Amino acid sequence: MTSFTPEERERIVALRRALHAAPELSWQEHTTQRTLRAALEQAGITEIQTVAETGLVATIPGRDPHAPTVALRGDIDALPIHEETGLPFASRHAGVMHACGHDMHAAWTVAAGILLARDPAVGTVKLVLQPAEEVGEGAARILASGALDDVRMIFGGHVDWRFRVGEVVATAGPLAASTDTFTVVFHGRGGHGARPQDAIDPIVGLGAFVMAVQTLVSRRLDPGLPGVVTVGAVEAGRAANVIPEQARATGTIRATTPETRTLLGNGVRQLAESVAATHGLRAEITLSEGTPPLVNTASAAAIAQTAVRALLGDTALRTLATANMGGEDFACYTERMEGCFLRIGTWHEGRSAAGVHTPRFDPDEEALFVGGAVLAECARRASAAPR
């Protein structure tokens, strides 16, 4: 595998630990931005643009100005979780933690930049240090800035505690789900709980909707396609003997194809309206689009697979056992350009198996060098690919 010098390894680990100790929530990554800018400048990367307020796009010129431009993306925001790892570099910010590995992602993106600054690719490479992934807003803001308008292909990666250090998932096709949300409010007529005949009870309608919406996946969706409709919160009334005026349900819709996404969203609306009509209620329905499904393009996935094999060997390539129904706003990039998002292993024997979004998540830092080397190799091969 492409090697880092001992001094570079120390710098990359120190960067990751500095980011981990000072996590910041989405759109608050000001100190993170300054730390990353300093790390890029130390690597000799000086063409750095502030993008989307708290993000950065750094440009490393290639050897051929006519070769394709490639981007590498690392997200930088943290989660509202109180850390319980006990690490000496644990979060100093109460209730905020890099529990999804974005400190690793940012650091290995800089690590890739170190390799590319030392030995440039054929084409220009842009390092995208993106804010606000956790709220699904950062990628769209980066794209809206125009900073990636000249990019042909993009690569990124995510820590994955289910795979060993040195194992990488780089597959074509769906890799993460869309993240739409819905809110349904059933409006009825309140009354005394002892005289339900004088009221139109929205709670009965709410209960019927919660049960009926489960049939969207089990009865309307092709069993071979993954999909999720989850009601995550319900709210109605405050007293045992009062029928309320309204009842409310909110939830999430997950799909790995645009067609499934449309089917489930339309299904939620249709069921809410039909349940309301059946129970004499009025339904107020709000569907909010989140990030789209993340679909790795075949050409970018092929380049990533070749890069992994070249650096780590054939056995390093792994596949996901089941569909990943989590969301990832890297999907916004792959809607606009070719791209591949990798899952990079962070576990080995004797280490905690606590997963992401938990207060004890503690990935192996050796994965920093795997991620950095693989992403740099993806950029080299993509920028040298025939146009």
Protein backbone atom coordinates (compact mmCIF):
# COMPACT_ATOMS: atom_id res chain seq x y z
CA MET A 1 0.00 0.00 0.00
CA THR A 2 1.14 3.56 -0.65
CA SER A 3 3.14 4.49 2.43
CA PHE A 4 3.12 7.60 4.56
CA THR A 5 6.31 8.74 6.23
CA PRO A 6 6.47 8.42 10.04
CA GLU A 7 6.16 12.20 10.31
CA GLU A 8 3.09 12.23 8.04
CA ARG A 9 1.48 9.45 10.07
CA GLU A 10 1.98 11.44 13.24
CA ARG A 11 0.46 14.54 11.65
CA ILE A 12 -2.59 12.65 10.36
CA VAL A 13 -3.27 11.00 13.72
CA ALA A 14 -2.76 14.32 15.53
CA LEU A 15 -5.21 15.99 13.14
CA ARG A 16 -7.83 13.33 13.71
CA ARG A 17 -7.45 13.60 17.48
CA ALA A 18 -7.65 17.39 17.41
CA LEU A 19 -10.88 17.17 15.42
CA HIS A 20 -12.25 14.48 17.72
CA ALA A 21 -11.55 16.51 20.85
CA ALA A 22 -13.30 19.61 19.50
CA PRO A 23 -16.41 18.37 17.65
CA GLU A 24 -18.92 20.83 16.25
CA LEU A 25 -22.50 20.36 15.10
CA SER A 26 -23.76 21.03 11.58
CA TRP A 27 -23.21 24.60 10.37
CA GLN A 28 -21.13 25.35 13.49
CA GLU A 29 -17.83 23.87 12.21
CA HIS A 30 -15.80 27.10 12.45
CA THR A 31 -12.94 25.77 14.58
CA THR A 32 -12.96 22.56 12.55
CA GLN A 33 -12.62 24.62 9.39
CA ARG A 34 -9.61 26.51 10.76
CA THR A 35 -7.94 23.30 11.93
CA LEU A 36 -8.38 21.69 8.52
CA ARG A 37 -7.17 24.75 6.64
CA ALA A 38 -3.99 24.74 8.74
CA ALA A 39 -3.46 21.03 8.06
CA LEU A 40 -3.85 21.56 4.31
CA GLU A 41 -1.43 24.47 4.31
CA GLN A 42 1.10 22.41 6.26
CA ALA A 43 0.87 19.81 3.48
CA GLY A 44 1.76 22.50 0.94
CA ILE A 45 -1.81 22.84 -0.37
CA THR A 46 -2.47 26.55 -0.63
CA GLU A 47 -5.32 26.93 -3.14
CA ILE A 48 -8.11 26.71 -0.56
CA GLN A 49 -11.60 28.14 -1.00
CA THR A 50 -14.14 28.71 1.76
CA VAL A 51 -17.41 27.16 0.57
CA ALA A 52 -20.85 26.83 2.17
CA GLU A 53 -19.79 29.01 5.13
CA THR A 54 -18.00 26.34 7.17
CA GLY A 55 -16.69 24.09 4.39
CA LEU A 56 -13.50 24.07 2.34
CA VAL A 57 -12.56 23.06 -1.19
CA ALA A 58 -8.82 22.69 -1.74
CA THR A 59 -7.36 22.30 -5.21
CA ILE A 60 -4.27 20.26 -6.03
CA PRO A 61 -3.24 20.93 -9.65
CA GLY A 62 -2.50 17.90 -11.79
CA ARG A 63 0.27 17.29 -14.29
CA ASP A 64 -2.03 17.73 -17.30
CA PRO A 65 -4.39 20.72 -17.26
CA HIS A 66 -6.57 19.03 -19.87
CA ALA A 67 -7.10 15.83 -17.86
CA PRO A 68 -10.39 15.28 -15.99
CA THR A 69 -10.84 16.93 -12.60
CA VAL A 70 -11.67 14.55 -9.75
CA ALA A 71 -12.99 15.32 -6.26
CA LEU A 72 -12.51 13.58 -2.92
CA ARG A 73 -15.04 14.35 -0.22
CA GLY A 74 -14.82 14.12 3.56
CA ASP A 75 -17.59 15.36 5.84
CA ILE A 76 -16.70 17.26 9.00
CA ASP A 77 -19.69 17.72 11.36
CA ALA A 78 -20.43 15.90 14.60
CA LEU A 79 -23.51 14.57 16.41
CA PRO A 80 -25.41 15.68 19.55
CA ILE A 81 -24.20 12.67 21.58
CA HIS A 82 -22.31 12.69 24.90
CA GLU A 83 -19.08 10.73 24.50
CA GLU A 84 -18.37 7.76 26.80
CA THR A 85 -15.18 6.33 25.28
CA GLY A 86 -12.82 7.50 28.02
CA LEU A 87 -10.19 8.32 25.40
CA PRO A 88 -7.50 10.86 26.35
CA PHE A 89 -8.61 12.93 23.35
CA ALA A 90 -12.35 12.52 24.01
CA SER A 91 -14.71 15.37 23.22
CA ARG A 92 -14.23 18.49 25.29
CA HIS A 93 -17.68 19.69 24.26
CA ALA A 94 -20.40 18.25 26.47
CA GLY A 95 -23.15 16.56 24.50
CA VAL A 96 -21.29 16.72 21.17
CA MET A 97 -19.24 13.84 19.71
CA HIS A 98 -17.74 12.59 16.49
CA ALA A 99 -19.81 9.44 16.84
CA CYS A 100 -20.17 8.90 13.10
CA GLY A 101 -16.49 9.07 12.23
CA HIS A 102 -16.45 12.38 10.42
CA ASP A 103 -13.20 13.24 12.19
CA MET A 104 -11.75 10.15 10.47
CA HIS A 105 -13.28 11.14 7.13
CA ALA A 106 -11.86 14.66 7.28
CA ALA A 107 -8.43 13.43 8.38
CA TRP A 108 -8.13 10.77 5.70
CA THR A 109 -9.19 13.28 3.05
CA VAL A 110 -6.31 15.49 4.17
CA ALA A 111 -4.12 12.34 4.17
CA ALA A 112 -5.07 11.72 0.54
CA GLY A 113 -4.15 15.34 -0.15
CA ILE A 114 -0.72 14.82 1.41
CA LEU A 115 -0.02 11.98 -1.02
CA LEU A 116 -1.36 13.91 -4.01
CA ALA A 117 0.54 17.09 -3.13
CA ARG A 118 3.74 15.05 -2.90
CA ASP A 119 3.08 13.24 -6.20
CA PRO A 120 0.31 14.93 -8.22
CA ALA A 121 -2.24 12.99 -10.23
CA VAL A 122 -2.56 13.41 -13.98
CA GLY A 123 -5.57 15.66 -13.50
CA THR A 124 -6.52 18.25 -10.91
CA VAL A 125 -7.93 16.90 -7.65
CA LYS A 126 -10.29 18.86 -5.40
CA LEU A 127 -10.53 17.99 -1.72
CA VAL A 128 -14.04 18.72 -0.45
CA LEU A 129 -14.30 19.14 3.33
CA GLN A 130 -18.05 19.34 3.66
CA PRO A 131 -20.14 20.59 6.56
CA ALA A 132 -23.63 19.57 7.63
CA GLU A 133 -23.86 15.99 6.37
CA GLU A 134 -25.74 14.92 9.50
CA VAL A 135 -28.62 17.23 8.64
CA GLY A 136 -28.47 16.35 4.94
CA GLU A 137 -27.79 19.90 3.77
CA GLY A 138 -24.06 20.30 3.18
CA ALA A 139 -23.61 18.53 -0.15
CA ALA A 140 -26.37 20.53 -1.81
CA ARG A 141 -24.78 23.76 -0.58
CA ILE A 142 -21.37 22.73 -1.90
CA LEU A 143 -22.88 21.97 -5.31
CA ALA A 144 -24.83 25.23 -5.34
CA SER A 145 -21.59 27.16 -4.81
CA GLY A 146 -20.32 26.05 -8.22
CA ALA A 147 -17.01 24.89 -6.73
CA LEU A 148 -17.43 21.44 -8.30
CA ASP A 149 -18.83 22.45 -11.68
CA ASP A 150 -15.72 21.19 -13.45
CA VAL A 151 -15.54 17.86 -11.60
CA ARG A 152 -16.05 14.72 -13.67
CA MET A 153 -15.99 12.10 -10.89
CA ILE A 154 -16.13 12.12 -7.08
CA PHE A 155 -15.13 9.62 -4.39
CA GLY A 156 -15.73 9.49 -0.67
CA GLY A 157 -15.77 7.01 2.15
CA HIS A 158 -17.36 6.14 5.48
CA VAL A 159 -15.97 4.30 8.47
CA ASP A 160 -17.57 0.88 8.95
CA TRP A 161 -17.02 -1.05 12.19
CA ARG A 162 -18.49 -4.22 10.62
CA PHE A 163 -15.35 -4.67 8.50
CA ARG A 164 -11.74 -5.14 9.51
CA VAL A 165 -9.08 -2.52 8.93
CA GLY A 166 -7.86 -3.11 5.39
CA GLU A 167 -11.26 -4.20 4.06
CA VAL A 168 -13.21 -1.90 1.74
CA VAL A 169 -16.68 -2.01 0.17
CA ALA A 170 -16.67 -0.52 -3.34
CA THR A 171 -19.75 -1.69 -5.21
CA ALA A 172 -21.82 -0.32 -8.06
CA GLY A 173 -25.51 0.37 -7.50
CA PRO A 174 -27.51 1.43 -4.43
CA LEU A 175 -25.45 1.95 -1.28
CA ALA A 176 -27.68 4.11 0.93
CA ALA A 177 -31.33 5.07 1.08
CA SER A 178 -33.28 8.26 0.59
CA THR A 179 -34.29 10.07 3.78
CA ASP A 180 -37.70 11.63 3.28
CA THR A 181 -39.99 12.48 6.18
CA PHE A 182 -43.73 12.82 6.57
CA THR A 183 -46.11 14.48 8.99
CA VAL A 184 -49.81 13.65 9.07
CA VAL A 185 -52.23 15.61 11.24
CA PHE A 186 -55.77 14.26 11.56
CA HIS A 187 -58.29 16.97 12.42
CA GLY A 188 -61.49 15.89 14.12
CA ARG A 189 -63.92 17.31 16.69
CA GLY A 190 -63.06 17.18 20.34
CA GLY A 191 -65.37 16.23 23.15
CA HIS A 192 -65.83 14.52 26.48
CA GLY A 193 -64.27 11.05 26.68
CA ALA A 194 -67.49 9.72 28.22
CA ARG A 195 -69.56 10.85 25.21
CA PRO A 196 -67.61 9.82 22.08
CA GLN A 197 -70.77 9.97 19.96
CA ASP A 198 -70.63 13.76 20.20
CA ALA A 199 -67.04 13.91 18.89
CA ILE A 200 -65.08 12.82 15.82
CA ASP A 201 -62.09 11.09 17.36
CA PRO A 202 -58.78 11.75 15.54
CA ILE A 203 -56.95 9.21 17.71
CA VAL A 204 -58.93 6.36 16.18
CA GLY A 205 -57.93 7.60 12.75
CA LEU A 206 -54.33 7.97 13.84
CA GLY A 207 -54.27 4.38 15.09
CA ALA A 208 -55.74 3.09 11.84
CA PHE A 209 -53.17 5.04 9.83
CA VAL A 210 -50.22 3.73 11.86
CA MET A 211 -51.32 0.15 11.21
CA ALA A 212 -52.29 0.69 7.57
CA VAL A 213 -49.03 2.40 6.63
CA GLN A 214 -47.13 -0.78 7.48
CA THR A 215 -48.75 -2.45 4.47
CA LEU A 216 -46.98 -0.14 2.02
CA VAL A 217 -43.77 -2.15 2.23
CA SER A 218 -45.36 -5.55 2.81
CA ARG A 219 -48.09 -5.32 0.15
CA ARG A 220 -47.31 -2.59 -2.38
CA LEU A 221 -43.53 -2.83 -2.74
CA ASP A 222 -41.82 -5.57 -4.73
CA PRO A 223 -40.40 -7.97 -2.08
CA GLY A 224 -37.07 -7.88 -3.87
CA LEU A 225 -36.67 -4.14 -3.26
CA PRO A 226 -35.74 -2.69 0.13
CA GLY A 227 -37.93 0.00 1.64
CA VAL A 228 -38.87 1.33 5.07
CA VAL A 229 -41.79 3.36 6.38
CA THR A 230 -41.40 4.04 10.10
CA VAL A 231 -43.70 6.12 12.30
CA GLY A 232 -41.30 7.59 14.80
CA ALA A 233 -43.52 9.89 16.85
CA VAL A 234 -47.22 10.26 17.64
CA GLU A 235 -48.92 13.01 19.60
CA ALA A 236 -52.53 13.41 20.65
CA GLY A 237 -54.34 14.77 23.66
CA ARG A 238 -53.29 15.46 27.24
CA ALA A 239 -56.10 14.18 29.43
CA ALA A 240 -57.59 10.74 29.93
CA ASN A 241 -61.18 11.96 29.66
CA VAL A 242 -60.85 14.35 26.70
CA ILE A 243 -61.10 13.51 23.02
CA PRO A 244 -58.68 15.96 21.35
CA GLU A 245 -59.26 18.08 18.29
CA GLN A 246 -56.30 16.60 16.43
CA ALA A 247 -53.75 13.79 16.39
CA ARG A 248 -50.34 13.85 14.75
CA ALA A 249 -47.88 11.29 13.41
CA THR A 250 -44.39 11.82 11.98
CA GLY A 251 -42.07 9.34 10.38
CA THR A 252 -39.39 8.51 7.85
CA ILE A 253 -39.50 6.93 4.40
CA ARG A 254 -36.42 5.09 3.12
CA ALA A 255 -35.89 3.78 -0.41
CA THR A 256 -32.93 2.78 -2.56
CA THR A 257 -34.41 3.63 -5.97
CA PRO A 258 -36.25 6.72 -7.22
CA GLU A 259 -39.24 4.56 -8.19
CA THR A 260 -39.56 3.08 -4.71
CA ARG A 261 -39.18 6.51 -3.20
CA THR A 262 -42.11 7.81 -5.26
CA LEU A 263 -44.27 4.77 -4.57
CA LEU A 264 -43.85 4.98 -0.79
CA GLY A 265 -44.33 8.74 -0.64
CA ASN A 266 -47.51 8.58 -2.70
CA GLY A 267 -48.67 5.63 -0.61
CA VAL A 268 -48.36 7.54 2.65
CA ARG A 269 -50.43 10.39 1.22
CA GLN A 270 -53.12 8.08 -0.21
CA LEU A 271 -53.48 6.08 3.00
CA ALA A 272 -53.73 9.19 5.14
CA GLU A 273 -56.46 10.61 2.91
CA SER A 274 -58.42 7.35 2.77
CA VAL A 275 -58.19 6.81 6.54
CA ALA A 276 -59.36 10.36 7.13
CA ALA A 277 -62.33 9.87 4.79
CA THR A 278 -63.27 6.59 6.47
CA HIS A 279 -63.32 8.16 9.92
CA GLY A 280 -64.86 11.50 9.03
CA LEU A 281 -61.62 13.40 9.62
CA ARG A 282 -59.56 15.87 7.66
CA ALA A 283 -55.97 14.94 6.94
CA GLU A 284 -53.22 17.53 6.66
CA ILE A 285 -50.22 15.84 5.03
CA THR A 286 -46.68 17.15 4.66
CA LEU A 287 -44.04 15.21 2.73
CA SER A 288 -40.52 16.61 3.04
CA GLU A 289 -37.78 15.46 0.69
CA GLY A 290 -34.49 14.55 2.32
CA THR A 291 -31.41 13.26 0.59
CA PRO A 292 -31.93 11.04 -2.48
CA PRO A 293 -30.84 7.40 -2.71
CA LEU A 294 -27.08 7.01 -3.00
CA VAL A 295 -26.29 5.03 -6.13
CA ASN A 296 -22.66 4.39 -7.02
CA THR A 297 -22.10 4.62 -10.77
CA ALA A 298 -20.60 1.61 -12.52
CA SER A 299 -17.61 3.45 -13.98
CA ALA A 300 -16.56 5.05 -10.69
CA ALA A 301 -17.08 1.80 -8.77
CA ALA A 302 -14.87 -0.04 -11.27
CA ILE A 303 -12.09 2.51 -10.73
CA ALA A 304 -12.45 2.23 -6.95
CA GLN A 305 -12.30 -1.56 -7.10
CA THR A 306 -9.15 -1.42 -9.21
CA ALA A 307 -7.60 1.03 -6.74
CA VAL A 308 -8.41 -1.19 -3.75
CA ARG A 309 -7.01 -4.28 -5.45
CA ALA A 310 -3.83 -2.47 -6.43
CA LEU A 311 -3.18 -1.24 -2.89
CA LEU A 312 -4.66 -3.96 -0.66
CA GLY A 313 -5.12 -7.07 -2.80
CA ASP A 314 -8.20 -8.90 -4.09
CA THR A 315 -9.28 -10.15 -0.66
CA ALA A 316 -9.70 -6.60 0.63
CA LEU A 317 -12.84 -6.03 -1.43
CA ARG A 318 -16.02 -6.80 0.47
CA THR A 319 -19.76 -6.38 -0.12
CA LEU A 320 -22.62 -5.37 2.16
CA ALA A 321 -24.64 -8.37 3.34
CA THR A 322 -27.89 -6.37 3.29
CA ALA A 323 -29.13 -3.08 1.94
CA ASN A 324 -28.04 -0.03 3.91
CA MET A 325 -31.16 1.95 4.75
CA GLY A 326 -29.27 4.79 6.37
CA GLY A 327 -28.98 8.06 4.48
CA GLU A 328 -25.94 9.89 3.13
CA ASP A 329 -25.95 13.25 1.36
CA PHE A 330 -23.05 12.13 -0.87
CA ALA A 331 -26.06 11.04 -2.96
CA CYS A 332 -26.46 14.66 -4.07
CA TYR A 333 -23.08 14.46 -5.78
CA THR A 334 -23.82 11.20 -7.60
CA GLU A 335 -27.03 12.71 -8.96
CA ARG A 336 -24.88 15.34 -10.69
CA MET A 337 -21.72 13.42 -11.63
CA GLU A 338 -20.19 9.96 -11.66
CA GLY A 339 -19.11 8.81 -8.24
CA CYS A 340 -18.45 6.03 -5.77
CA PHE A 341 -18.86 6.05 -2.01
CA LEU A 342 -16.79 3.48 -0.12
CA ARG A 343 -17.23 1.74 3.22
CA ILE A 344 -13.83 1.46 4.92
CA GLY A 345 -13.26 -1.06 7.71
CA THR A 346 -12.21 0.18 11.16
CA TRP A 347 -12.27 -2.92 13.39
CA HIS A 348 -9.93 -5.66 14.49
CA GLU A 349 -9.90 -8.28 17.24
CA GLY A 350 -9.83 -6.98 20.76
CA ARG A 351 -11.43 -3.69 19.86
CA SER A 352 -14.86 -2.43 20.87
CA ALA A 353 -17.64 -3.38 18.48
CA ALA A 354 -19.71 -0.31 19.38
CA GLY A 355 -21.22 1.05 16.19
CA VAL A 356 -21.66 4.54 14.82
CA HIS A 357 -24.09 6.93 16.48
CA THR A 358 -23.29 5.42 19.89
CA PRO A 359 -21.39 7.17 22.72
CA ARG A 360 -18.68 4.48 22.74
CA PHE A 361 -17.77 4.43 19.03
CA ASP A 362 -13.98 4.14 18.76
CA PRO A 363 -12.61 3.32 15.28
CA ASP A 364 -9.08 2.06 14.76
CA GLU A 365 -6.87 4.93 13.59
CA GLU A 366 -4.95 2.64 11.24
CA ALA A 367 -7.97 3.05 8.95
CA LEU A 368 -6.87 6.65 8.41
CA PHE A 369 -4.02 5.46 6.24
CA VAL A 370 -6.16 2.94 4.37
CA GLY A 371 -8.76 5.61 3.62
CA GLY A 372 -6.20 8.21 2.61
CA ALA A 373 -4.26 5.88 0.34
CA VAL A 374 -7.35 4.38 -1.32
CA LEU A 375 -8.95 7.75 -2.00
CA ALA A 376 -5.72 9.14 -3.42
CA GLU A 377 -5.40 6.10 -5.69
CA CYS A 378 -9.01 6.50 -6.83
CA ALA A 379 -8.23 10.09 -7.78
CA ARG A 380 -5.09 9.09 -9.69
CA ARG A 381 -6.84 6.41 -11.71
CA ALA A 382 -9.97 8.47 -12.38
CA SER A 383 -8.01 11.48 -13.60
CA ALA A 384 -5.95 9.25 -15.89
CA ALA A 385 -8.97 7.41 -17.31
CA PRO A 386 -9.80 7.94 -21.01
CA ARG A 387 -12.17 10.84 -21.60
